[in-house]
Amino acid sequence: METLTFGDALRKVWKDSGLLQEEFAERLGYRRPTVANMMRGIHLPPLEMLDKLDESCPGARQLLEPLLLRERQARDRSSTTHRAPAWDAEGME
């Protein structure tokens, strides 16, 4: 079973809104490329963005907030477990 991502859910909310992507982005207070990157999973927005979204698309927050929080937690775990090695400056030529 495939898990729904925040980006996929945001894309669904956008499509259901009937707005052009540019219009959708403006309502969220972002530029279109930023929202496109959110839909691709490249960028995760702050939780406050969901407030603006819920004004235009009632009920969207209920769908998106758990997904956003899950993906933020996964990225946080990933960034703390995959640190770059500390290089010893004396050992470098």
PDB file of N, CA and C in Angstrom:
ATOM      1  N   MET A   1       0.841  -1.178   0.000  1.00  0.00           N
ATOM      2  CA  MET A   1       0.000   0.000   0.000  1.00  0.00           C
ATOM      3  C   MET A   1       0.888   1.244   0.000  1.00  0.00           C
ATOM      4  N   GLU A   2       0.607   2.181  -0.883  1.00  0.00           N
ATOM      5  CA  GLU A   2       1.393   3.397  -1.013  1.00  0.00           C
ATOM      6  C   GLU A   2       0.907   4.439  -0.009  1.00  0.00           C
ATOM      7  N   THR A   3       1.854   5.092   0.647  1.00  0.00           N
ATOM      8  CA  THR A   3       1.534   6.118   1.633  1.00  0.00           C
ATOM      9  C   THR A   3       1.384   7.468   0.950  1.00  0.00           C
ATOM     10  N   LEU A   4       0.339   8.185   1.307  1.00  0.00           N
ATOM     11  CA  LEU A   4       0.103   9.512   0.759  1.00  0.00           C
ATOM     12  C   LEU A   4       1.119  10.481   1.350  1.00  0.00           C
ATOM     13  N   THR A   5       1.779  11.248   0.502  1.00  0.00           N
ATOM     14  CA  THR A   5       2.744  12.235   0.973  1.00  0.00           C
ATOM     15  C   THR A   5       2.073  13.600   1.100  1.00  0.00           C
ATOM     16  N   PHE A   6       2.742  14.499   1.812  1.00  0.00           N
ATOM     17  CA  PHE A   6       2.233  15.856   1.934  1.00  0.00           C
ATOM     18  C   PHE A   6       2.099  16.488   0.550  1.00  0.00           C
ATOM     19  N   GLY A   7       3.114  16.311  -0.285  1.00  0.00           N
ATOM     20  CA  GLY A   7       3.092  16.889  -1.634  1.00  0.00           C
ATOM     21  C   GLY A   7       1.940  16.378  -2.469  1.00  0.00           C
ATOM     22  N   ASP A   8       1.692  15.075  -2.397  1.00  0.00           N
ATOM     23  CA  ASP A   8       0.569  14.487  -3.144  1.00  0.00           C
ATOM     24  C   ASP A   8      -0.768  15.045  -2.652  1.00  0.00           C
ATOM     25  N   ALA A   9      -0.887  15.159  -1.332  1.00  0.00           N
ATOM     26  CA  ALA A   9      -2.134  15.679  -0.756  1.00  0.00           C
ATOM     27  C   ALA A   9      -2.326  17.154  -1.106  1.00  0.00           C
ATOM     28  N   LEU A  10      -1.231  17.926  -1.080  1.00  0.00           N
ATOM     29  CA  LEU A  10      -1.324  19.337  -1.453  1.00  0.00           C
ATOM     30  C   LEU A  10      -1.736  19.468  -2.917  1.00  0.00           C
ATOM     31  N   ARG A  11      -1.186  18.617  -3.769  1.00  0.00           N
ATOM     32  CA  ARG A  11      -1.564  18.635  -5.190  1.00  0.00           C
ATOM     33  C   ARG A  11      -3.052  18.327  -5.344  1.00  0.00           C
ATOM     34  N   LYS A  12      -3.557  17.371  -4.577  1.00  0.00           N
ATOM     35  CA  LYS A  12      -4.986  17.022  -4.639  1.00  0.00           C
ATOM     36  C   LYS A  12      -5.854  18.208  -4.199  1.00  0.00           C
ATOM     37  N   VAL A  13      -5.446  18.870  -3.116  1.00  0.00           N
ATOM     38  CA  VAL A  13      -6.196  20.037  -2.638  1.00  0.00           C
ATOM     39  C   VAL A  13      -6.203  21.121  -3.711  1.00  0.00           C
ATOM     40  N   TRP A  14      -5.057  21.347  -4.334  1.00  0.00           N
ATOM     41  CA  TRP A  14      -4.967  22.342  -5.403  1.00  0.00           C
ATOM     42  C   TRP A  14      -5.893  21.982  -6.563  1.00  0.00           C
ATOM     43  N   LYS A  15      -5.822  20.734  -7.032  1.00  0.00           N
ATOM     44  CA  LYS A  15      -6.665  20.307  -8.163  1.00  0.00           C
ATOM     45  C   LYS A  15      -8.147  20.461  -7.812  1.00  0.00           C
ATOM     46  N   ASP A  16      -8.500  20.068  -6.588  1.00  0.00           N
ATOM     47  CA  ASP A  16      -9.901  20.174  -6.157  1.00  0.00           C
ATOM     48  C   ASP A  16     -10.364  21.618  -6.040  1.00  0.00           C
ATOM     49  N   SER A  17      -9.419  22.549  -5.849  1.00  0.00           N
ATOM     50  CA  SER A  17      -9.787  23.961  -5.692  1.00  0.00           C
ATOM     51  C   SER A  17     -10.251  24.574  -7.008  1.00  0.00           C
ATOM     52  N   GLY A  18      -9.812  23.993  -8.136  1.00  0.00           N
ATOM     53  CA  GLY A  18     -10.175  24.539  -9.437  1.00  0.00           C
ATOM     54  C   GLY A  18      -9.391  25.784  -9.823  1.00  0.00           C
ATOM     55  N   LEU A  19      -8.411  26.146  -9.012  1.00  0.00           N
ATOM     56  CA  LEU A  19      -7.600  27.327  -9.289  1.00  0.00           C
ATOM     57  C   LEU A  19      -6.393  26.965 -10.158  1.00  0.00           C
ATOM     58  N   LEU A  20      -5.879  27.958 -10.863  1.00  0.00           N
ATOM     59  CA  LEU A  20      -4.595  27.782 -11.528  1.00  0.00           C
ATOM     60  C   LEU A  20      -3.534  27.694 -10.434  1.00  0.00           C
ATOM     61  N   GLN A  21      -2.425  27.043 -10.733  1.00  0.00           N
ATOM     62  CA  GLN A  21      -1.396  26.896  -9.717  1.00  0.00           C
ATOM     63  C   GLN A  21      -0.891  28.261  -9.231  1.00  0.00           C
ATOM     64  N   GLU A  22      -0.806  29.209 -10.131  1.00  0.00           N
ATOM     65  CA  GLU A  22      -0.386  30.572  -9.777  1.00  0.00           C
ATOM     66  C   GLU A  22      -1.358  31.196  -8.772  1.00  0.00           C
ATOM     67  N   GLU A  23      -2.654  31.048  -9.028  1.00  0.00           N
ATOM     68  CA  GLU A  23      -3.676  31.587  -8.122  1.00  0.00           C
ATOM     69  C   GLU A  23      -3.631  30.894  -6.765  1.00  0.00           C
ATOM     70  N   PHE A  24      -3.469  29.587  -6.800  1.00  0.00           N
ATOM     71  CA  PHE A  24      -3.390  28.799  -5.572  1.00  0.00           C
ATOM     72  C   PHE A  24      -2.205  29.277  -4.735  1.00  0.00           C
ATOM     73  N   ALA A  25      -1.062  29.462  -5.376  1.00  0.00           N
ATOM     74  CA  ALA A  25       0.145  29.921  -4.686  1.00  0.00           C
ATOM     75  C   ALA A  25      -0.070  31.308  -4.071  1.00  0.00           C
ATOM     76  N   GLU A  26      -0.693  32.192  -4.811  1.00  0.00           N
ATOM     77  CA  GLU A  26      -0.947  33.541  -4.307  1.00  0.00           C
ATOM     78  C   GLU A  26      -1.813  33.512  -3.056  1.00  0.00           C
ATOM     79  N   ARG A  27      -2.795  32.667  -3.031  1.00  0.00           N
ATOM     80  CA  ARG A  27      -3.666  32.567  -1.852  1.00  0.00           C
ATOM     81  C   ARG A  27      -2.906  32.071  -0.629  1.00  0.00           C
ATOM     82  N   LEU A  28      -1.853  31.317  -0.873  1.00  0.00           N
ATOM     83  CA  LEU A  28      -1.038  30.805   0.231  1.00  0.00           C
ATOM     84  C   LEU A  28       0.066  31.779   0.630  1.00  0.00           C
ATOM     85  N   GLY A  29       0.253  32.816  -0.194  1.00  0.00           N
ATOM     86  CA  GLY A  29       1.293  33.791   0.090  1.00  0.00           C
ATOM     87  C   GLY A  29       2.668  33.377  -0.409  1.00  0.00           C
ATOM     88  N   TYR A  30       2.691  32.495  -1.414  1.00  0.00           N
ATOM     89  CA  TYR A  30       3.944  32.011  -1.986  1.00  0.00           C
ATOM     90  C   TYR A  30       3.938  32.226  -3.495  1.00  0.00           C
ATOM     91  N   ARG A  31       5.124  32.092  -4.085  1.00  0.00           N
ATOM     92  CA  ARG A  31       5.226  32.103  -5.543  1.00  0.00           C
ATOM     93  C   ARG A  31       4.970  30.695  -6.059  1.00  0.00           C
ATOM     94  N   ARG A  32       4.567  30.595  -7.317  1.00  0.00           N
ATOM     95  CA  ARG A  32       4.227  29.309  -7.913  1.00  0.00           C
ATOM     96  C   ARG A  32       5.365  28.289  -7.829  1.00  0.00           C
ATOM     97  N   PRO A  33       6.628  28.669  -8.121  1.00  0.00           N
ATOM     98  CA  PRO A  33       7.694  27.659  -8.039  1.00  0.00           C
ATOM     99  C   PRO A  33       7.864  27.070  -6.633  1.00  0.00           C
ATOM    100  N   THR A  34       7.637  27.888  -5.607  1.00  0.00           N
ATOM    101  CA  THR A  34       7.753  27.398  -4.230  1.00  0.00           C
ATOM    102  C   THR A  34       6.683  26.358  -3.948  1.00  0.00           C
ATOM    103  N   VAL A  35       5.451  26.639  -4.372  1.00  0.00           N
ATOM    104  CA  VAL A  35       4.358  25.689  -4.157  1.00  0.00           C
ATOM    105  C   VAL A  35       4.592  24.422  -4.983  1.00  0.00           C
ATOM    106  N   ALA A  36       5.114  24.570  -6.189  1.00  0.00           N
ATOM    107  CA  ALA A  36       5.439  23.400  -7.010  1.00  0.00           C
ATOM    108  C   ALA A  36       6.479  22.530  -6.293  1.00  0.00           C
ATOM    109  N   ASN A  37       7.458  23.165  -5.652  1.00  0.00           N
ATOM    110  CA  ASN A  37       8.467  22.413  -4.898  1.00  0.00           C
ATOM    111  C   ASN A  37       7.870  21.730  -3.673  1.00  0.00           C
ATOM    112  N   MET A  38       6.858  22.332  -3.081  1.00  0.00           N
ATOM    113  CA  MET A  38       6.151  21.675  -1.973  1.00  0.00           C
ATOM    114  C   MET A  38       5.456  20.417  -2.485  1.00  0.00           C
ATOM    115  N   MET A  39       4.842  20.523  -3.649  1.00  0.00           N
ATOM    116  CA  MET A  39       4.133  19.385  -4.229  1.00  0.00           C
ATOM    117  C   MET A  39       5.097  18.264  -4.622  1.00  0.00           C
ATOM    118  N   ARG A  40       6.332  18.621  -4.952  1.00  0.00           N
ATOM    119  CA  ARG A  40       7.349  17.619  -5.301  1.00  0.00           C
ATOM    120  C   ARG A  40       8.042  17.044  -4.065  1.00  0.00           C
ATOM    121  N   GLY A  41       7.775  17.625  -2.892  1.00  0.00           N
ATOM    122  CA  GLY A  41       8.410  17.151  -1.676  1.00  0.00           C
ATOM    123  C   GLY A  41       9.787  17.730  -1.430  1.00  0.00           C
ATOM    124  N   ILE A  42      10.167  18.732  -2.205  1.00  0.00           N
ATOM    125  CA  ILE A  42      11.478  19.361  -2.053  1.00  0.00           C
ATOM    126  C   ILE A  42      11.470  20.317  -0.862  1.00  0.00           C
ATOM    127  N   HIS A  43      10.355  20.977  -0.657  1.00  0.00           N
ATOM    128  CA  HIS A  43      10.238  21.992   0.390  1.00  0.00           C
ATOM    129  C   HIS A  43       9.021  21.666   1.250  1.00  0.00           C
ATOM    130  N   LEU A  44       9.176  21.787   2.570  1.00  0.00           N
ATOM    131  CA  LEU A  44       8.044  21.634   3.479  1.00  0.00           C
ATOM    132  C   LEU A  44       7.739  23.007   4.076  1.00  0.00           C
ATOM    133  N   PRO A  45       6.488  23.433   4.018  1.00  0.00           N
ATOM    134  CA  PRO A  45       6.138  24.772   4.505  1.00  0.00           C
ATOM    135  C   PRO A  45       6.002  24.804   6.024  1.00  0.00           C
ATOM    136  N   PRO A  46       5.965  26.015   6.597  1.00  0.00           N
ATOM    137  CA  PRO A  46       5.663  26.129   8.024  1.00  0.00           C
ATOM    138  C   PRO A  46       4.190  25.793   8.262  1.00  0.00           C
ATOM    139  N   LEU A  47       3.868  25.401   9.468  1.00  0.00           N
ATOM    140  CA  LEU A  47       2.481  25.057   9.802  1.00  0.00           C
ATOM    141  C   LEU A  47       1.519  26.220   9.555  1.00  0.00           C
ATOM    142  N   GLU A  48       2.006  27.452   9.681  1.00  0.00           N
ATOM    143  CA  GLU A  48       1.152  28.629   9.490  1.00  0.00           C
ATOM    144  C   GLU A  48       0.555  28.674   8.092  1.00  0.00           C
ATOM    145  N   MET A  49       1.239  28.075   7.130  1.00  0.00           N
ATOM    146  CA  MET A  49       0.718  28.059   5.760  1.00  0.00           C
ATOM    147  C   MET A  49      -0.635  27.341   5.711  1.00  0.00           C
ATOM    148  N   LEU A  50      -0.817  26.361   6.596  1.00  0.00           N
ATOM    149  CA  LEU A  50      -2.070  25.607   6.597  1.00  0.00           C
ATOM    150  C   LEU A  50      -3.256  26.483   7.013  1.00  0.00           C
ATOM    151  N   ASP A  51      -2.991  27.509   7.816  1.00  0.00           N
ATOM    152  CA  ASP A  51      -4.072  28.440   8.195  1.00  0.00           C
ATOM    153  C   ASP A  51      -4.601  29.160   6.956  1.00  0.00           C
ATOM    154  N   LYS A  52      -3.673  29.671   6.141  1.00  0.00           N
ATOM    155  CA  LYS A  52      -4.083  30.364   4.917  1.00  0.00           C
ATOM    156  C   LYS A  52      -4.794  29.413   3.960  1.00  0.00           C
ATOM    157  N   LEU A  53      -4.290  28.206   3.882  1.00  0.00           N
ATOM    158  CA  LEU A  53      -4.892  27.223   2.984  1.00  0.00           C
ATOM    159  C   LEU A  53      -6.310  26.883   3.423  1.00  0.00           C
ATOM    160  N   ASP A  54      -6.509  26.744   4.708  1.00  0.00           N
ATOM    161  CA  ASP A  54      -7.830  26.376   5.218  1.00  0.00           C
ATOM    162  C   ASP A  54      -8.865  27.474   4.974  1.00  0.00           C
ATOM    163  N   GLU A  55      -8.410  28.724   4.859  1.00  0.00           N
ATOM    164  CA  GLU A  55      -9.330  29.822   4.534  1.00  0.00           C
ATOM    165  C   GLU A  55      -9.900  29.643   3.131  1.00  0.00           C
ATOM    166  N   SER A  56      -9.047  29.238   2.198  1.00  0.00           N
ATOM    167  CA  SER A  56      -9.461  29.063   0.803  1.00  0.00           C
ATOM    168  C   SER A  56     -10.071  27.699   0.534  1.00  0.00           C
ATOM    169  N   CYS A  57      -9.576  26.708   1.237  1.00  0.00           N
ATOM    170  CA  CYS A  57     -10.005  25.323   1.013  1.00  0.00           C
ATOM    171  C   CYS A  57     -10.355  24.694   2.361  1.00  0.00           C
ATOM    172  N   PRO A  58     -11.561  24.960   2.871  1.00  0.00           N
ATOM    173  CA  PRO A  58     -11.949  24.432   4.182  1.00  0.00           C
ATOM    174  C   PRO A  58     -11.757  22.918   4.259  1.00  0.00           C
ATOM    175  N   GLY A  59     -11.185  22.484   5.382  1.00  0.00           N
ATOM    176  CA  GLY A  59     -10.952  21.061   5.597  1.00  0.00           C
ATOM    177  C   GLY A  59      -9.577  20.588   5.147  1.00  0.00           C
ATOM    178  N   ALA A  60      -8.860  21.429   4.413  1.00  0.00           N
ATOM    179  CA  ALA A  60      -7.548  21.033   3.906  1.00  0.00           C
ATOM    180  C   ALA A  60      -6.561  20.790   5.042  1.00  0.00           C
ATOM    181  N   ARG A  61      -6.646  21.602   6.076  1.00  0.00           N
ATOM    182  CA  ARG A  61      -5.716  21.453   7.207  1.00  0.00           C
ATOM    183  C   ARG A  61      -5.852  20.079   7.839  1.00  0.00           C
ATOM    184  N   GLN A  62      -7.064  19.600   7.967  1.00  0.00           N
ATOM    185  CA  GLN A  62      -7.311  18.292   8.585  1.00  0.00           C
ATOM    186  C   GLN A  62      -6.593  17.179   7.813  1.00  0.00           C
ATOM    187  N   LEU A  63      -6.549  17.291   6.505  1.00  0.00           N
ATOM    188  CA  LEU A  63      -5.858  16.314   5.670  1.00  0.00           C
ATOM    189  C   LEU A  63      -4.343  16.506   5.706  1.00  0.00           C
ATOM    190  N   LEU A  64      -3.891  17.753   5.601  1.00  0.00           N
ATOM    191  CA  LEU A  64      -2.475  18.037   5.393  1.00  0.00           C
ATOM    192  C   LEU A  64      -1.624  18.072   6.658  1.00  0.00           C
ATOM    193  N   GLU A  65      -2.177  18.540   7.764  1.00  0.00           N
ATOM    194  CA  GLU A  65      -1.353  18.715   8.961  1.00  0.00           C
ATOM    195  C   GLU A  65      -0.684  17.425   9.434  1.00  0.00           C
ATOM    196  N   PRO A  66      -1.384  16.308   9.547  1.00  0.00           N
ATOM    197  CA  PRO A  66      -0.697  15.080   9.985  1.00  0.00           C
ATOM    198  C   PRO A  66       0.408  14.643   9.017  1.00  0.00           C
ATOM    199  N   LEU A  67       0.186  14.845   7.734  1.00  0.00           N
ATOM    200  CA  LEU A  67       1.198  14.464   6.741  1.00  0.00           C
ATOM    201  C   LEU A  67       2.425  15.366   6.847  1.00  0.00           C
ATOM    202  N   LEU A  68       2.188  16.664   7.027  1.00  0.00           N
ATOM    203  CA  LEU A  68       3.285  17.609   7.155  1.00  0.00           C
ATOM    204  C   LEU A  68       4.105  17.299   8.407  1.00  0.00           C
ATOM    205  N   LEU A  69       3.439  17.055   9.517  1.00  0.00           N
ATOM    206  CA  LEU A  69       4.151  16.754  10.758  1.00  0.00           C
ATOM    207  C   LEU A  69       4.948  15.455  10.635  1.00  0.00           C
ATOM    208  N   ARG A  70       4.369  14.444   9.998  1.00  0.00           N
ATOM    209  CA  ARG A  70       5.069  13.165   9.811  1.00  0.00           C
ATOM    210  C   ARG A  70       6.332  13.355   8.979  1.00  0.00           C
ATOM    211  N   GLU A  71       6.218  14.114   7.891  1.00  0.00           N
ATOM    212  CA  GLU A  71       7.382  14.306   7.024  1.00  0.00           C
ATOM    213  C   GLU A  71       8.440  15.182   7.690  1.00  0.00           C
ATOM    214  N   ARG A  72       8.019  16.162   8.488  1.00  0.00           N
ATOM    215  CA  ARG A  72       8.993  16.976   9.220  1.00  0.00           C
ATOM    216  C   ARG A  72       9.764  16.107  10.212  1.00  0.00           C
ATOM    217  N   GLN A  73       9.054  15.235  10.927  1.00  0.00           N
ATOM    218  CA  GLN A  73       9.713  14.355  11.889  1.00  0.00           C
ATOM    219  C   GLN A  73      10.682  13.408  11.190  1.00  0.00           C
ATOM    220  N   ALA A  74      10.287  12.881  10.051  1.00  0.00           N
ATOM    221  CA  ALA A  74      11.165  11.975   9.302  1.00  0.00           C
ATOM    222  C   ALA A  74      12.426  12.706   8.853  1.00  0.00           C
ATOM    223  N   ARG A  75      12.286  13.935   8.388  1.00  0.00           N
ATOM    224  CA  ARG A  75      13.464  14.710   7.963  1.00  0.00           C
ATOM    225  C   ARG A  75      14.355  15.047   9.147  1.00  0.00           C
ATOM    226  N   ASP A  76      13.732  15.373  10.275  1.00  0.00           N
ATOM    227  CA  ASP A  76      14.524  15.677  11.470  1.00  0.00           C
ATOM    228  C   ASP A  76      15.333  14.460  11.910  1.00  0.00           C
ATOM    229  N   ARG A  77      14.702  13.281  11.907  1.00  0.00           N
ATOM    230  CA  ARG A  77      15.407  12.040  12.277  1.00  0.00           C
ATOM    231  C   ARG A  77      16.531  11.771  11.296  1.00  0.00           C
ATOM    232  N   SER A  78      16.246  11.972  10.028  1.00  0.00           N
ATOM    233  CA  SER A  78      17.236  11.714   8.984  1.00  0.00           C
ATOM    234  C   SER A  78      18.438  12.639   9.113  1.00  0.00           C
ATOM    235  N   SER A  79      18.195  13.895   9.417  1.00  0.00           N
ATOM    236  CA  SER A  79      19.300  14.850   9.487  1.00  0.00           C
ATOM    237  C   SER A  79      20.171  14.618  10.719  1.00  0.00           C
ATOM    238  N   THR A  80      19.630  14.028  11.766  1.00  0.00           N
ATOM    239  CA  THR A  80      20.440  13.782  12.960  1.00  0.00           C
ATOM    240  C   THR A  80      21.192  12.458  12.884  1.00  0.00           C
ATOM    241  N   THR A  81      20.771  11.553  12.038  1.00  0.00           N
ATOM    242  CA  THR A  81      21.448  10.263  11.949  1.00  0.00           C
ATOM    243  C   THR A  81      22.419  10.176  10.786  1.00  0.00           C
ATOM    244  N   HIS A  82      22.382  11.107   9.865  1.00  0.00           N
ATOM    245  CA  HIS A  82      23.258  11.082   8.697  1.00  0.00           C
ATOM    246  C   HIS A  82      24.137  12.323   8.640  1.00  0.00           C
ATOM    247  N   ARG A  83      24.945  12.487   9.647  1.00  0.00           N
ATOM    248  CA  ARG A  83      25.841  13.644   9.679  1.00  0.00           C
ATOM    249  C   ARG A  83      27.107  13.328   8.895  1.00  0.00           C
ATOM    250  N   ALA A  84      27.667  14.350   8.303  1.00  0.00           N
ATOM    251  CA  ALA A  84      28.919  14.199   7.588  1.00  0.00           C
ATOM    252  C   ALA A  84      30.035  13.911   8.589  1.00  0.00           C
ATOM    253  N   PRO A  85      31.019  13.113   8.201  1.00  0.00           N
ATOM    254  CA  PRO A  85      32.111  12.823   9.129  1.00  0.00           C
ATOM    255  C   PRO A  85      32.926  14.064   9.432  1.00  0.00           C
ATOM    256  N   ALA A  86      33.418  14.132  10.638  1.00  0.00           N
ATOM    257  CA  ALA A  86      34.290  15.235  11.020  1.00  0.00           C
ATOM    258  C   ALA A  86      35.702  14.883  10.584  1.00  0.00           C
ATOM    259  N   TRP A  87      36.273  15.684   9.730  1.00  0.00           N
ATOM    260  CA  TRP A  87      37.615  15.423   9.214  1.00  0.00           C
ATOM    261  C   TRP A  87      38.654  16.046  10.124  1.00  0.00           C
ATOM    262  N   ASP A  88      39.700  15.304  10.344  1.00  0.00           N
ATOM    263  CA  ASP A  88      40.813  15.791  11.145  1.00  0.00           C
ATOM    264  C   ASP A  88      41.682  16.662  10.245  1.00  0.00           C
ATOM    265  N   ALA A  89      41.773  17.939  10.547  1.00  0.00           N
ATOM    266  CA  ALA A  89      42.517  18.869   9.695  1.00  0.00           C
ATOM    267  C   ALA A  89      43.988  18.488   9.613  1.00  0.00           C
ATOM    268  N   GLU A  90      44.531  17.875  10.641  1.00  0.00           N
ATOM    269  CA  GLU A  90      45.941  17.481  10.596  1.00  0.00           C
ATOM    270  C   GLU A  90      46.186  16.339   9.622  1.00  0.00           C
ATOM    271  N   GLY A  91      45.184  15.518   9.387  1.00  0.00           N
ATOM    272  CA  GLY A  91      45.330  14.377   8.502  1.00  0.00           C
ATOM    273  C   GLY A  91      45.137  14.724   7.043  1.00  0.00           C
ATOM    274  N   MET A  92      44.744  15.954   6.770  1.00  0.00           N
ATOM    275  CA  MET A  92      44.499  16.363   5.387  1.00  0.00           C
ATOM    276  C   MET A  92      45.767  16.964   4.803  1.00  0.00           C
ATOM    277  N   GLU A  93      46.028  16.726   3.536  1.00  0.00           N
ATOM    278  CA  GLU A  93      47.220  17.276   2.885  1.00  0.00           C
ATOM    279  C   GLU A  93      46.866  18.502   2.083  1.00  0.00           C
TER     280      GLU A  93
END
